Amino acid sequence: KEDFSGRHNFSTNLNEHTRNAMRYRRALDRLNIR
């Protein structure tokens, strides 16, 4: 999850997973984690 709570977003298909992954990557970028 993009809130870094340690929990996860679960999904049944790739499209939904891609959206979850994009939110998480944006959160990493905001914190400058490379």
Full PDB file with SEQRES, HELIX, SHEET, SSBOND, CRYST1, ORIGX, SCALE, CONECT and MASTER records, all heavy atoms in Angstrom:
SEQRES   1 A   34  LYS GLU ASP PHE SER GLY ARG HIS ASN PHE SER THR ASN          
SEQRES   2 A   34  LEU ASN GLU HIS THR ARG ASN ALA MET ARG TYR ARG ARG          
SEQRES   3 A   34  ALA LEU ASP ARG LEU ASN ILE ARG                              
HELIX    1 AA1 LEU A   14  ARG A   30  1                                  17    
CRYST1    1.000    1.000    1.000  90.00  90.00  90.00 P 1           1          
ORIGX1      1.000000  0.000000  0.000000        0.00000                         
ORIGX2      0.000000  1.000000  0.000000        0.00000                         
ORIGX3      0.000000  0.000000  1.000000        0.00000                         
SCALE1      1.000000  0.000000  0.000000        0.00000                         
SCALE2      0.000000  1.000000  0.000000        0.00000                         
SCALE3      0.000000  0.000000  1.000000        0.00000                         
ATOM      1  N   LYS A   1       0.832  -1.197   0.000  1.00  0.00           N  
ATOM      2  CA  LYS A   1       0.000   0.000   0.000  1.00  0.00           C  
ATOM      3  C   LYS A   1       0.871   1.253   0.000  1.00  0.00           C  
ATOM      4  O   LYS A   1       1.945   1.285   0.602  1.00  0.00           O  
ATOM      5  CB  LYS A   1      -0.922  -0.002   1.214  1.00  0.00           C  
ATOM      6  CG  LYS A   1      -2.090  -0.967   1.091  1.00  0.00           C  
ATOM      7  CD  LYS A   1      -3.133  -0.717   2.172  1.00  0.00           C  
ATOM      8  CE  LYS A   1      -4.387  -1.540   1.900  1.00  0.00           C  
ATOM      9  NZ  LYS A   1      -5.458  -1.271   2.877  1.00  0.00           N  
ATOM     10  N   GLU A   2       0.359   2.263  -0.657  1.00  0.00           N  
ATOM     11  CA  GLU A   2       1.105   3.504  -0.823  1.00  0.00           C  
ATOM     12  C   GLU A   2       1.215   4.316   0.467  1.00  0.00           C  
ATOM     13  O   GLU A   2       1.956   5.307   0.533  1.00  0.00           O  
ATOM     14  CB  GLU A   2       0.465   4.358  -1.919  1.00  0.00           C  
ATOM     15  CG  GLU A   2      -0.956   4.799  -1.645  1.00  0.00           C  
ATOM     16  CD  GLU A   2      -1.994   3.753  -2.038  1.00  0.00           C  
ATOM     17  OE1 GLU A   2      -1.614   2.584  -2.309  1.00  0.00           O  
ATOM     18  OE2 GLU A   2      -3.187   4.095  -2.057  1.00  0.00           O  
ATOM     19  N   ASP A   3       0.506   3.898   1.531  1.00  0.00           N  
ATOM     20  CA  ASP A   3       0.616   4.613   2.810  1.00  0.00           C  
ATOM     21  C   ASP A   3       1.751   4.065   3.675  1.00  0.00           C  
ATOM     22  O   ASP A   3       1.959   4.535   4.798  1.00  0.00           O  
ATOM     23  CB  ASP A   3      -0.711   4.540   3.578  1.00  0.00           C  
ATOM     24  CG  ASP A   3      -1.122   3.098   3.904  1.00  0.00           C  
ATOM     25  OD1 ASP A   3      -0.378   2.156   3.558  1.00  0.00           O  
ATOM     26  OD2 ASP A   3      -2.208   2.918   4.501  1.00  0.00           O  
ATOM     27  N   PHE A   4       2.472   3.061   3.132  1.00  0.00           N  
ATOM     28  CA  PHE A   4       3.619   2.450   3.821  1.00  0.00           C  
ATOM     29  C   PHE A   4       3.230   1.886   5.193  1.00  0.00           C  
ATOM     30  O   PHE A   4       4.024   1.874   6.130  1.00  0.00           O  
ATOM     31  CB  PHE A   4       4.782   3.444   3.969  1.00  0.00           C  
ATOM     32  CG  PHE A   4       5.301   3.948   2.656  1.00  0.00           C  
ATOM     33  CD1 PHE A   4       5.032   5.252   2.260  1.00  0.00           C  
ATOM     34  CD2 PHE A   4       6.038   3.141   1.822  1.00  0.00           C  
ATOM     35  CE1 PHE A   4       5.492   5.731   1.042  1.00  0.00           C  
ATOM     36  CE2 PHE A   4       6.506   3.598   0.604  1.00  0.00           C  
ATOM     37  CZ  PHE A   4       6.231   4.898   0.206  1.00  0.00           C  
ATOM     38  N   SER A   5       1.998   1.420   5.296  1.00  0.00           N  
ATOM     39  CA  SER A   5       1.515   0.816   6.540  1.00  0.00           C  
ATOM     40  C   SER A   5       2.041  -0.599   6.726  1.00  0.00           C  
ATOM     41  O   SER A   5       1.912  -1.177   7.804  1.00  0.00           O  
ATOM     42  CB  SER A   5      -0.014   0.785   6.544  1.00  0.00           C  
ATOM     43  OG  SER A   5      -0.503  -0.023   5.462  1.00  0.00           O  
ATOM     44  N   GLY A   6       2.612  -1.141   5.664  1.00  0.00           N  
ATOM     45  CA  GLY A   6       3.062  -2.533   5.704  1.00  0.00           C  
ATOM     46  C   GLY A   6       2.020  -3.486   5.169  1.00  0.00           C  
ATOM     47  O   GLY A   6       2.314  -4.669   4.949  1.00  0.00           O  
ATOM     48  N   ARG A   7       0.825  -2.982   4.937  1.00  0.00           N  
ATOM     49  CA  ARG A   7      -0.235  -3.816   4.375  1.00  0.00           C  
ATOM     50  C   ARG A   7      -0.192  -3.772   2.850  1.00  0.00           C  
ATOM     51  O   ARG A   7       0.591  -3.020   2.264  1.00  0.00           O  
ATOM     52  CB  ARG A   7      -1.598  -3.357   4.887  1.00  0.00           C  
ATOM     53  CG  ARG A   7      -1.790  -3.637   6.370  1.00  0.00           C  
ATOM     54  CD  ARG A   7      -3.216  -3.396   6.822  1.00  0.00           C  
ATOM     55  NE  ARG A   7      -3.402  -3.828   8.202  1.00  0.00           N  
ATOM     56  CZ  ARG A   7      -3.700  -5.071   8.574  1.00  0.00           C  
ATOM     57  NH1 ARG A   7      -3.869  -6.007   7.648  1.00  0.00           N  
ATOM     58  NH2 ARG A   7      -3.850  -5.382   9.833  1.00  0.00           N  
ATOM     59  N   HIS A   8      -1.035  -4.604   2.234  1.00  0.00           N  
ATOM     60  CA  HIS A   8      -1.012  -4.740   0.776  1.00  0.00           C  
ATOM     61  C   HIS A   8      -2.398  -4.540   0.159  1.00  0.00           C  
ATOM     62  O   HIS A   8      -3.419  -4.797   0.815  1.00  0.00           O  
ATOM     63  CB  HIS A   8      -0.489  -6.133   0.393  1.00  0.00           C  
ATOM     64  CG  HIS A   8       0.940  -6.347   0.755  1.00  0.00           C  
ATOM     65  ND1 HIS A   8       1.353  -6.657   2.028  1.00  0.00           N  
ATOM     66  CD2 HIS A   8       2.076  -6.299  -0.013  1.00  0.00           C  
ATOM     67  CE1 HIS A   8       2.675  -6.798   2.054  1.00  0.00           C  
ATOM     68  NE2 HIS A   8       3.130  -6.575   0.834  1.00  0.00           N  
ATOM     69  N   ASN A   9      -2.370  -4.082  -1.078  1.00  0.00           N  
ATOM     70  CA  ASN A   9      -3.570  -4.105  -1.923  1.00  0.00           C  
ATOM     71  C   ASN A   9      -3.550  -5.394  -2.724  1.00  0.00           C  
ATOM     72  O   ASN A   9      -2.528  -5.740  -3.333  1.00  0.00           O  
ATOM     73  CB  ASN A   9      -3.576  -2.909  -2.879  1.00  0.00           C  
ATOM     74  CG  ASN A   9      -3.854  -1.603  -2.161  1.00  0.00           C  
ATOM     75  OD1 ASN A   9      -4.791  -1.507  -1.371  1.00  0.00           O  
ATOM     76  ND2 ASN A   9      -3.048  -0.576  -2.437  1.00  0.00           N  
ATOM     77  N   PHE A  10      -4.662  -6.118  -2.722  1.00  0.00           N  
ATOM     78  CA  PHE A  10      -4.771  -7.379  -3.451  1.00  0.00           C  
ATOM     79  C   PHE A  10      -5.718  -7.186  -4.633  1.00  0.00           C  
ATOM     80  O   PHE A  10      -6.697  -6.443  -4.547  1.00  0.00           O  
ATOM     81  CB  PHE A  10      -5.285  -8.485  -2.534  1.00  0.00           C  
ATOM     82  CG  PHE A  10      -4.376  -8.770  -1.373  1.00  0.00           C  
ATOM     83  CD1 PHE A  10      -4.590  -8.145  -0.146  1.00  0.00           C  
ATOM     84  CD2 PHE A  10      -3.303  -9.635  -1.503  1.00  0.00           C  
ATOM     85  CE1 PHE A  10      -3.747  -8.391   0.928  1.00  0.00           C  
ATOM     86  CE2 PHE A  10      -2.454  -9.894  -0.427  1.00  0.00           C  
ATOM     87  CZ  PHE A  10      -2.674  -9.267   0.783  1.00  0.00           C  
ATOM     88  N   SER A  11      -5.403  -7.877  -5.721  1.00  0.00           N  
ATOM     89  CA  SER A  11      -6.233  -7.733  -6.919  1.00  0.00           C  
ATOM     90  C   SER A  11      -6.325  -9.053  -7.667  1.00  0.00           C  
ATOM     91  O   SER A  11      -5.473  -9.944  -7.497  1.00  0.00           O  
ATOM     92  CB  SER A  11      -5.678  -6.640  -7.831  1.00  0.00           C  
ATOM     93  OG  SER A  11      -4.301  -6.841  -8.094  1.00  0.00           O  
ATOM     94  N   THR A  12      -7.353  -9.122  -8.526  1.00  0.00           N  
ATOM     95  CA  THR A  12      -7.596 -10.365  -9.266  1.00  0.00           C  
ATOM     96  C   THR A  12      -7.118 -10.298 -10.708  1.00  0.00           C  
ATOM     97  O   THR A  12      -7.048 -11.321 -11.385  1.00  0.00           O  
ATOM     98  CB  THR A  12      -9.105 -10.683  -9.282  1.00  0.00           C  
ATOM     99  OG1 THR A  12      -9.796  -9.594  -9.898  1.00  0.00           O  
ATOM    100  CG2 THR A  12      -9.621 -10.886  -7.863  1.00  0.00           C  
ATOM    101  N   ASN A  13      -6.786  -9.082 -11.176  1.00  0.00           N  
ATOM    102  CA  ASN A  13      -6.389  -8.960 -12.582  1.00  0.00           C  
ATOM    103  C   ASN A  13      -5.224  -7.981 -12.714  1.00  0.00           C  
ATOM    104  O   ASN A  13      -4.966  -7.161 -11.827  1.00  0.00           O  
ATOM    105  CB  ASN A  13      -7.572  -8.515 -13.442  1.00  0.00           C  
ATOM    106  CG  ASN A  13      -8.136  -7.179 -12.996  1.00  0.00           C  
ATOM    107  OD1 ASN A  13      -7.568  -6.128 -13.292  1.00  0.00           O  
ATOM    108  ND2 ASN A  13      -9.253  -7.217 -12.257  1.00  0.00           N  
ATOM    109  N   LEU A  14      -4.572  -8.049 -13.863  1.00  0.00           N  
ATOM    110  CA  LEU A  14      -3.362  -7.269 -14.083  1.00  0.00           C  
ATOM    111  C   LEU A  14      -3.643  -5.778 -14.155  1.00  0.00           C  
ATOM    112  O   LEU A  14      -2.838  -4.965 -13.675  1.00  0.00           O  
ATOM    113  CB  LEU A  14      -2.668  -7.748 -15.366  1.00  0.00           C  
ATOM    114  CG  LEU A  14      -1.300  -7.135 -15.668  1.00  0.00           C  
ATOM    115  CD1 LEU A  14      -0.334  -7.370 -14.515  1.00  0.00           C  
ATOM    116  CD2 LEU A  14      -0.744  -7.720 -16.969  1.00  0.00           C  
ATOM    117  N   ASN A  15      -4.764  -5.385 -14.757  1.00  0.00           N  
ATOM    118  CA  ASN A  15      -5.069  -3.953 -14.864  1.00  0.00           C  
ATOM    119  C   ASN A  15      -5.198  -3.301 -13.488  1.00  0.00           C  
ATOM    120  O   ASN A  15      -4.643  -2.221 -13.241  1.00  0.00           O  
ATOM    121  CB  ASN A  15      -6.359  -3.745 -15.665  1.00  0.00           C  
ATOM    122  CG  ASN A  15      -6.172  -4.041 -17.139  1.00  0.00           C  
ATOM    123  OD1 ASN A  15      -5.059  -3.948 -17.662  1.00  0.00           O  
ATOM    124  ND2 ASN A  15      -7.257  -4.406 -17.825  1.00  0.00           N  
ATOM    125  N   GLU A  16      -5.933  -3.953 -12.617  1.00  0.00           N  
ATOM    126  CA  GLU A  16      -6.096  -3.428 -11.257  1.00  0.00           C  
ATOM    127  C   GLU A  16      -4.757  -3.385 -10.530  1.00  0.00           C  
ATOM    128  O   GLU A  16      -4.430  -2.429  -9.816  1.00  0.00           O  
ATOM    129  CB  GLU A  16      -7.105  -4.283 -10.493  1.00  0.00           C  
ATOM    130  CG  GLU A  16      -7.475  -3.722  -9.127  1.00  0.00           C  
ATOM    131  CD  GLU A  16      -8.470  -4.611  -8.395  1.00  0.00           C  
ATOM    132  OE1 GLU A  16      -8.929  -5.622  -8.985  1.00  0.00           O  
ATOM    133  OE2 GLU A  16      -8.775  -4.300  -7.231  1.00  0.00           O  
ATOM    134  N   HIS A  17      -3.969  -4.433 -10.706  1.00  0.00           N  
ATOM    135  CA  HIS A  17      -2.657  -4.494 -10.070  1.00  0.00           C  
ATOM    136  C   HIS A  17      -1.756  -3.374 -10.582  1.00  0.00           C  
ATOM    137  O   HIS A  17      -1.014  -2.754  -9.807  1.00  0.00           O  
ATOM    138  CB  HIS A  17      -2.009  -5.852 -10.349  1.00  0.00           C  
ATOM    139  CG  HIS A  17      -0.578  -5.932  -9.895  1.00  0.00           C  
ATOM    140  ND1 HIS A  17      -0.220  -5.874  -8.565  1.00  0.00           N  
ATOM    141  CD2 HIS A  17       0.585  -6.033 -10.601  1.00  0.00           C  
ATOM    142  CE1 HIS A  17       1.096  -5.969  -8.466  1.00  0.00           C  
ATOM    143  NE2 HIS A  17       1.609  -6.056  -9.686  1.00  0.00           N  
ATOM    144  N   THR A  18      -1.809  -3.089 -11.881  1.00  0.00           N  
ATOM    145  CA  THR A  18      -0.987  -2.027 -12.453  1.00  0.00           C  
ATOM    146  C   THR A  18      -1.330  -0.685 -11.826  1.00  0.00           C  
ATOM    147  O   THR A  18      -0.435   0.124 -11.522  1.00  0.00           O  
ATOM    148  CB  THR A  18      -1.187  -1.966 -13.981  1.00  0.00           C  
ATOM    149  OG1 THR A  18      -0.813  -3.226 -14.546  1.00  0.00           O  
ATOM    150  CG2 THR A  18      -0.323  -0.869 -14.589  1.00  0.00           C  
ATOM    151  N   ARG A  19      -2.613  -0.414 -11.610  1.00  0.00           N  
ATOM    152  CA  ARG A  19      -3.017   0.841 -10.965  1.00  0.00           C  
ATOM    153  C   ARG A  19      -2.492   0.918  -9.525  1.00  0.00           C  
ATOM    154  O   ARG A  19      -2.011   1.957  -9.071  1.00  0.00           O  
ATOM    155  CB  ARG A  19      -4.543   0.981 -10.986  1.00  0.00           C  
ATOM    156  CG  ARG A  19      -5.119   1.235 -12.380  1.00  0.00           C  
ATOM    157  CD  ARG A  19      -6.575   1.682 -12.295  1.00  0.00           C  
ATOM    158  NE  ARG A  19      -7.430   0.599 -11.788  1.00  0.00           N  
ATOM    159  CZ  ARG A  19      -8.016  -0.298 -12.570  1.00  0.00           C  
ATOM    160  NH1 ARG A  19      -7.816  -0.296 -13.888  1.00  0.00           N  
ATOM    161  NH2 ARG A  19      -8.798  -1.227 -12.057  1.00  0.00           N  
ATOM    162  N   ASN A  20      -2.560  -0.214  -8.811  1.00  0.00           N  
ATOM    163  CA  ASN A  20      -2.040  -0.251  -7.439  1.00  0.00           C  
ATOM    164  C   ASN A  20      -0.536  -0.001  -7.426  1.00  0.00           C  
ATOM    165  O   ASN A  20      -0.011   0.737  -6.581  1.00  0.00           O  
ATOM    166  CB  ASN A  20      -2.350  -1.597  -6.787  1.00  0.00           C  
ATOM    167  CG  ASN A  20      -3.832  -1.803  -6.519  1.00  0.00           C  
ATOM    168  OD1 ASN A  20      -4.581  -0.834  -6.378  1.00  0.00           O  
ATOM    169  ND2 ASN A  20      -4.255  -3.053  -6.461  1.00  0.00           N  
ATOM    170  N   ALA A  21       0.152  -0.630  -8.392  1.00  0.00           N  
ATOM    171  CA  ALA A  21       1.610  -0.493  -8.462  1.00  0.00           C  
ATOM    172  C   ALA A  21       2.010   0.942  -8.806  1.00  0.00           C  
ATOM    173  O   ALA A  21       3.008   1.458  -8.273  1.00  0.00           O  
ATOM    174  CB  ALA A  21       2.174  -1.469  -9.488  1.00  0.00           C  
ATOM    175  N   MET A  22       1.257   1.605  -9.676  1.00  0.00           N  
ATOM    176  CA  MET A  22       1.569   2.994 -10.039  1.00  0.00           C  
ATOM    177  C   MET A  22       1.432   3.916  -8.827  1.00  0.00           C  
ATOM    178  O   MET A  22       2.255   4.818  -8.618  1.00  0.00           O  
ATOM    179  CB  MET A  22       0.661   3.459 -11.178  1.00  0.00           C  
ATOM    180  CG  MET A  22       1.020   2.853 -12.532  1.00  0.00           C  
ATOM    181  SD  MET A  22      -0.072   3.415 -13.856  1.00  0.00           S  
ATOM    182  CE  MET A  22       0.316   5.179 -13.869  1.00  0.00           C  
ATOM    183  N   ARG A  23       0.391   3.695  -8.024  1.00  0.00           N  
ATOM    184  CA  ARG A  23       0.225   4.519  -6.817  1.00  0.00           C  
ATOM    185  C   ARG A  23       1.402   4.312  -5.859  1.00  0.00           C  
ATOM    186  O   ARG A  23       1.890   5.266  -5.247  1.00  0.00           O  
ATOM    187  CB  ARG A  23      -1.101   4.170  -6.118  1.00  0.00           C  
ATOM    188  CG  ARG A  23      -2.340   4.684  -6.830  1.00  0.00           C  
ATOM    189  CD  ARG A  23      -3.540   4.701  -5.890  1.00  0.00           C  
ATOM    190  NE  ARG A  23      -3.884   3.365  -5.428  1.00  0.00           N  
ATOM    191  CZ  ARG A  23      -4.738   2.554  -6.053  1.00  0.00           C  
ATOM    192  NH1 ARG A  23      -5.315   2.960  -7.199  1.00  0.00           N  
ATOM    193  NH2 ARG A  23      -5.027   1.381  -5.565  1.00  0.00           N  
ATOM    194  N   TYR A  24       1.847   3.062  -5.748  1.00  0.00           N  
ATOM    195  CA  TYR A  24       2.968   2.778  -4.836  1.00  0.00           C  
ATOM    196  C   TYR A  24       4.268   3.404  -5.357  1.00  0.00           C  
ATOM    197  O   TYR A  24       5.032   3.988  -4.586  1.00  0.00           O  
ATOM    198  CB  TYR A  24       3.124   1.258  -4.675  1.00  0.00           C  
ATOM    199  CG  TYR A  24       4.239   0.876  -3.717  1.00  0.00           C  
ATOM    200  CD1 TYR A  24       4.133   1.176  -2.367  1.00  0.00           C  
ATOM    201  CD2 TYR A  24       5.380   0.213  -4.165  1.00  0.00           C  
ATOM    202  CE1 TYR A  24       5.142   0.831  -1.475  1.00  0.00           C  
ATOM    203  CE2 TYR A  24       6.391  -0.143  -3.288  1.00  0.00           C  
ATOM    204  CZ  TYR A  24       6.265   0.173  -1.945  1.00  0.00           C  
ATOM    205  OH  TYR A  24       7.263  -0.158  -1.075  1.00  0.00           O  
ATOM    206  N   ARG A  25       4.502   3.321  -6.670  1.00  0.00           N  
ATOM    207  CA  ARG A  25       5.721   3.903  -7.240  1.00  0.00           C  
ATOM    208  C   ARG A  25       5.730   5.426  -7.084  1.00  0.00           C  
ATOM    209  O   ARG A  25       6.771   6.025  -6.806  1.00  0.00           O  
ATOM    210  CB  ARG A  25       5.855   3.507  -8.706  1.00  0.00           C  
ATOM    211  CG  ARG A  25       6.351   2.087  -8.921  1.00  0.00           C  
ATOM    212  CD  ARG A  25       6.836   1.882 -10.349  1.00  0.00           C  
ATOM    213  NE  ARG A  25       5.734   1.959 -11.300  1.00  0.00           N  
ATOM    214  CZ  ARG A  25       5.018   0.894 -11.685  1.00  0.00           C  
ATOM    215  NH1 ARG A  25       5.295  -0.310 -11.186  1.00  0.00           N  
ATOM    216  NH2 ARG A  25       4.041   1.028 -12.562  1.00  0.00           N  
ATOM    217  N   ARG A  26       4.576   6.047  -7.230  1.00  0.00           N  
ATOM    218  CA  ARG A  26       4.511   7.494  -7.042  1.00  0.00           C  
ATOM    219  C   ARG A  26       4.837   7.869  -5.590  1.00  0.00           C  
ATOM    220  O   ARG A  26       5.490   8.877  -5.318  1.00  0.00           O  
ATOM    221  CB  ARG A  26       3.129   8.028  -7.441  1.00  0.00           C  
ATOM    222  CG  ARG A  26       2.917   8.113  -8.944  1.00  0.00           C  
ATOM    223  CD  ARG A  26       1.727   9.009  -9.282  1.00  0.00           C  
ATOM    224  NE  ARG A  26       0.466   8.433  -8.824  1.00  0.00           N  
ATOM    225  CZ  ARG A  26      -0.323   7.669  -9.591  1.00  0.00           C  
ATOM    226  NH1 ARG A  26       0.033   7.371 -10.837  1.00  0.00           N  
ATOM    227  NH2 ARG A  26      -1.453   7.193  -9.109  1.00  0.00           N  
ATOM    228  N   ALA A  27       4.390   7.029  -4.665  1.00  0.00           N  
ATOM    229  CA  ALA A  27       4.694   7.278  -3.251  1.00  0.00           C  
ATOM    230  C   ALA A  27       6.198   7.145  -3.000  1.00  0.00           C  
ATOM    231  O   ALA A  27       6.783   7.931  -2.236  1.00  0.00           O  
ATOM    232  CB  ALA A  27       3.915   6.304  -2.371  1.00  0.00           C  
ATOM    233  N   LEU A  28       6.829   6.167  -3.648  1.00  0.00           N  
ATOM    234  CA  LEU A  28       8.288   6.026  -3.526  1.00  0.00           C  
ATOM    235  C   LEU A  28       9.004   7.238  -4.115  1.00  0.00           C  
ATOM    236  O   LEU A  28       9.982   7.744  -3.534  1.00  0.00           O  
ATOM    237  CB  LEU A  28       8.749   4.750  -4.243  1.00  0.00           C  
ATOM    238  CG  LEU A  28       8.354   3.401  -3.605  1.00  0.00           C  
ATOM    239  CD1 LEU A  28       8.798   2.255  -4.520  1.00  0.00           C  
ATOM    240  CD2 LEU A  28       8.972   3.234  -2.232  1.00  0.00           C  
ATOM    241  N   ASP A  29       8.521   7.691  -5.235  1.00  0.00           N  
ATOM    242  CA  ASP A  29       9.144   8.855  -5.893  1.00  0.00           C  
ATOM    243  C   ASP A  29       9.051  10.096  -4.999  1.00  0.00           C  
ATOM    244  O   ASP A  29      10.001  10.880  -4.919  1.00  0.00           O  
ATOM    245  CB  ASP A  29       8.475   9.124  -7.236  1.00  0.00           C  
ATOM    246  CG  ASP A  29       8.794   8.066  -8.273  1.00  0.00           C  
ATOM    247  OD1 ASP A  29       9.824   7.367  -8.096  1.00  0.00           O  
ATOM    248  OD2 ASP A  29       8.024   7.919  -9.254  1.00  0.00           O  
ATOM    249  N   ARG A  30       7.900  10.268  -4.349  1.00  0.00           N  
ATOM    250  CA  ARG A  30       7.734  11.439  -3.464  1.00  0.00           C  
ATOM    251  C   ARG A  30       8.755  11.442  -2.337  1.00  0.00           C  
ATOM    252  O   ARG A  30       9.195  12.490  -1.880  1.00  0.00           O  
ATOM    253  CB  ARG A  30       6.314  11.479  -2.886  1.00  0.00           C  
ATOM    254  CG  ARG A  30       5.263  11.951  -3.875  1.00  0.00           C  
ATOM    255  CD  ARG A  30       3.972  12.327  -3.153  1.00  0.00           C  
ATOM    256  NE  ARG A  30       3.368  11.206  -2.456  1.00  0.00           N  
ATOM    257  CZ  ARG A  30       2.494  10.378  -3.009  1.00  0.00           C  
ATOM    258  NH1 ARG A  30       2.137  10.506  -4.290  1.00  0.00           N  
ATOM    259  NH2 ARG A  30       1.978   9.387  -2.315  1.00  0.00           N  
ATOM    260  N   LEU A  31       9.129  10.226  -1.892  1.00  0.00           N  
ATOM    261  CA  LEU A  31      10.120  10.104  -0.812  1.00  0.00           C  
ATOM    262  C   LEU A  31      11.536   9.944  -1.350  1.00  0.00           C  
ATOM    263  O   LEU A  31      12.471   9.727  -0.576  1.00  0.00           O  
ATOM    264  CB  LEU A  31       9.770   8.920   0.094  1.00  0.00           C  
ATOM    265  CG  LEU A  31       8.435   9.027   0.848  1.00  0.00           C  
ATOM    266  CD1 LEU A  31       8.171   7.760   1.638  1.00  0.00           C  
ATOM    267  CD2 LEU A  31       8.461  10.236   1.784  1.00  0.00           C  
ATOM    268  N   ASN A  32      11.664  10.037  -2.670  1.00  0.00           N  
ATOM    269  CA  ASN A  32      12.969   9.934  -3.332  1.00  0.00           C  
ATOM    270  C   ASN A  32      13.658   8.600  -3.022  1.00  0.00           C  
ATOM    271  O   ASN A  32      14.876   8.539  -2.837  1.00  0.00           O  
ATOM    272  CB  ASN A  32      13.880  11.092  -2.911  1.00  0.00           C  
ATOM    273  CG  ASN A  32      14.997  11.327  -3.920  1.00  0.00           C  
ATOM    274  OD1 ASN A  32      14.835  11.053  -5.129  1.00  0.00           O  
ATOM    275  ND2 ASN A  32      16.122  11.808  -3.448  1.00  0.00           N  
ATOM    276  N   ILE A  33      12.857   7.556  -2.963  1.00  0.00           N  
ATOM    277  CA  ILE A  33      13.415   6.205  -2.752  1.00  0.00           C  
ATOM    278  C   ILE A  33      13.686   5.600  -4.105  1.00  0.00           C  
ATOM    279  O   ILE A  33      12.767   5.385  -4.910  1.00  0.00           O  
ATOM    280  CB  ILE A  33      12.434   5.330  -1.929  1.00  0.00           C  
ATOM    281  CG1 ILE A  33      12.233   5.930  -0.533  1.00  0.00           C  
ATOM    282  CG2 ILE A  33      12.955   3.900  -1.831  1.00  0.00           C  
ATOM    283  CD1 ILE A  33      11.214   5.201   0.301  1.00  0.00           C  
ATOM    284  N   ARG A  34      14.935   5.331  -4.367  1.00  0.00           N  
ATOM    285  CA  ARG A  34      15.345   4.808  -5.686  1.00  0.00           C  
ATOM    286  C   ARG A  34      15.796   3.349  -5.601  1.00  0.00           C  
ATOM    287  O   ARG A  34      16.276   2.916  -4.597  1.00  0.00           O  
ATOM    288  CB  ARG A  34      16.491   5.665  -6.250  1.00  0.00           C  
ATOM    289  CG  ARG A  34      16.122   7.143  -6.373  1.00  0.00           C  
ATOM    290  CD  ARG A  34      15.054   7.350  -7.394  1.00  0.00           C  
ATOM    291  NE  ARG A  34      14.648   8.757  -7.499  1.00  0.00           N  
ATOM    292  CZ  ARG A  34      13.642   9.170  -8.246  1.00  0.00           C  
ATOM    293  NH1 ARG A  34      12.919   8.324  -8.937  1.00  0.00           N  
ATOM    294  NH2 ARG A  34      13.321  10.454  -8.294  1.00  0.00           N  
TER     295      ARG A  34                                                      
MASTER        0    0    0    1    0    0    0    6  294    1    0    3          
END                                                                             
